[in-house]
Amino acid sequence: MKPIESRVVTSGEVEIYRSSKYRVTTIIPLVKNPKMNVYLFEQDEITDFLKGYGEYAEFIISVEQVGAMA
């Protein structure tokens, strides 16, 4: 799969994104009562969450940056 857009970023931008928190919204569809879950992750937690993600019965519907960590 190829990105639909790509651009060069500065080291400062990388650090801002690395130190940000992200709101990740998912849906669990294949249960009696389908459920939407909302998580608040740091970058490392997103990486951990995505390990083995193909085995989950949950799918991501959005990822939003919500601000840099204090």
Protein backbone atom coordinates (compact mmCIF):
# COMPACT_ATOMS: atom_id res chain seq x y z
CA MET A 1 0.00 0.00 0.00
CA LYS A 2 1.32 3.45 -0.85
CA PRO A 3 0.58 6.74 0.94
CA ILE A 4 -1.75 9.17 -0.81
CA GLU A 5 0.46 12.04 0.34
CA SER A 6 4.03 12.39 1.60
CA ARG A 7 6.16 15.35 2.73
CA VAL A 8 9.45 16.07 4.47
CA VAL A 9 9.16 17.12 8.13
CA THR A 10 11.61 18.84 10.46
CA SER A 11 13.21 17.24 13.51
CA GLY A 12 11.10 19.60 15.62
CA GLU A 13 7.90 18.32 14.02
CA VAL A 14 8.98 14.73 14.63
CA GLU A 15 9.53 15.52 18.32
CA ILE A 16 6.11 17.22 18.59
CA TYR A 17 4.36 14.18 17.10
CA ARG A 18 6.46 11.74 19.17
CA SER A 19 5.56 13.54 22.41
CA SER A 20 1.87 14.00 21.61
CA LYS A 21 -1.12 12.08 22.90
CA TYR A 22 -3.56 10.53 20.45
CA ARG A 23 -7.25 9.77 20.71
CA VAL A 24 -7.88 6.41 19.02
CA THR A 25 -11.48 5.40 18.34
CA THR A 26 -12.37 1.80 17.51
CA ILE A 27 -15.46 -0.33 16.98
CA ILE A 28 -16.04 -3.92 18.05
CA PRO A 29 -18.70 -5.00 15.54
CA LEU A 30 -19.08 -8.77 15.91
CA VAL A 31 -20.71 -8.99 19.33
CA LYS A 32 -24.31 -9.01 20.51
CA ASN A 33 -24.10 -5.31 21.37
CA PRO A 34 -21.49 -3.66 19.07
CA LYS A 35 -19.37 -1.18 20.97
CA MET A 36 -17.28 1.92 20.24
CA ASN A 37 -14.14 2.32 22.36
CA VAL A 38 -12.08 5.50 22.75
CA TYR A 39 -8.48 5.30 23.97
CA LEU A 40 -5.95 7.99 24.86
CA PHE A 41 -2.46 6.82 23.87
CA GLU A 42 1.10 8.08 23.77
CA GLN A 43 3.07 7.04 20.67
CA ASP A 44 4.67 4.00 22.33
CA GLU A 45 1.26 2.82 23.53
CA ILE A 46 -0.11 3.02 19.96
CA THR A 47 2.78 0.81 18.83
CA ASP A 48 1.98 -1.74 21.55
CA PHE A 49 -1.75 -1.61 20.76
CA LEU A 50 -1.09 -2.33 17.08
CA LYS A 51 1.12 -5.39 17.70
CA GLY A 52 -0.97 -8.35 16.59
CA TYR A 53 -3.79 -5.99 15.62
CA GLY A 54 -4.89 -8.25 12.76
CA GLU A 55 -6.10 -10.75 15.35
CA TYR A 56 -8.44 -8.31 17.12
CA ALA A 57 -12.19 -8.26 16.54
CA GLU A 58 -11.93 -4.48 16.77
CA PHE A 59 -11.18 -1.97 14.04
CA ILE A 60 -9.86 1.59 14.11
CA ILE A 61 -12.15 4.30 12.78
CA SER A 62 -10.07 7.36 13.71
CA VAL A 63 -6.76 8.58 15.16
CA GLU A 64 -6.51 12.21 16.23
CA GLN A 65 -3.64 14.14 17.78
CA VAL A 66 -4.96 15.76 20.97
CA GLY A 67 -1.88 17.62 22.14
CA ALA A 68 1.68 17.37 23.33
CA MET A 69 2.43 15.77 26.67
CA ALA A 70 3.29 18.12 29.51
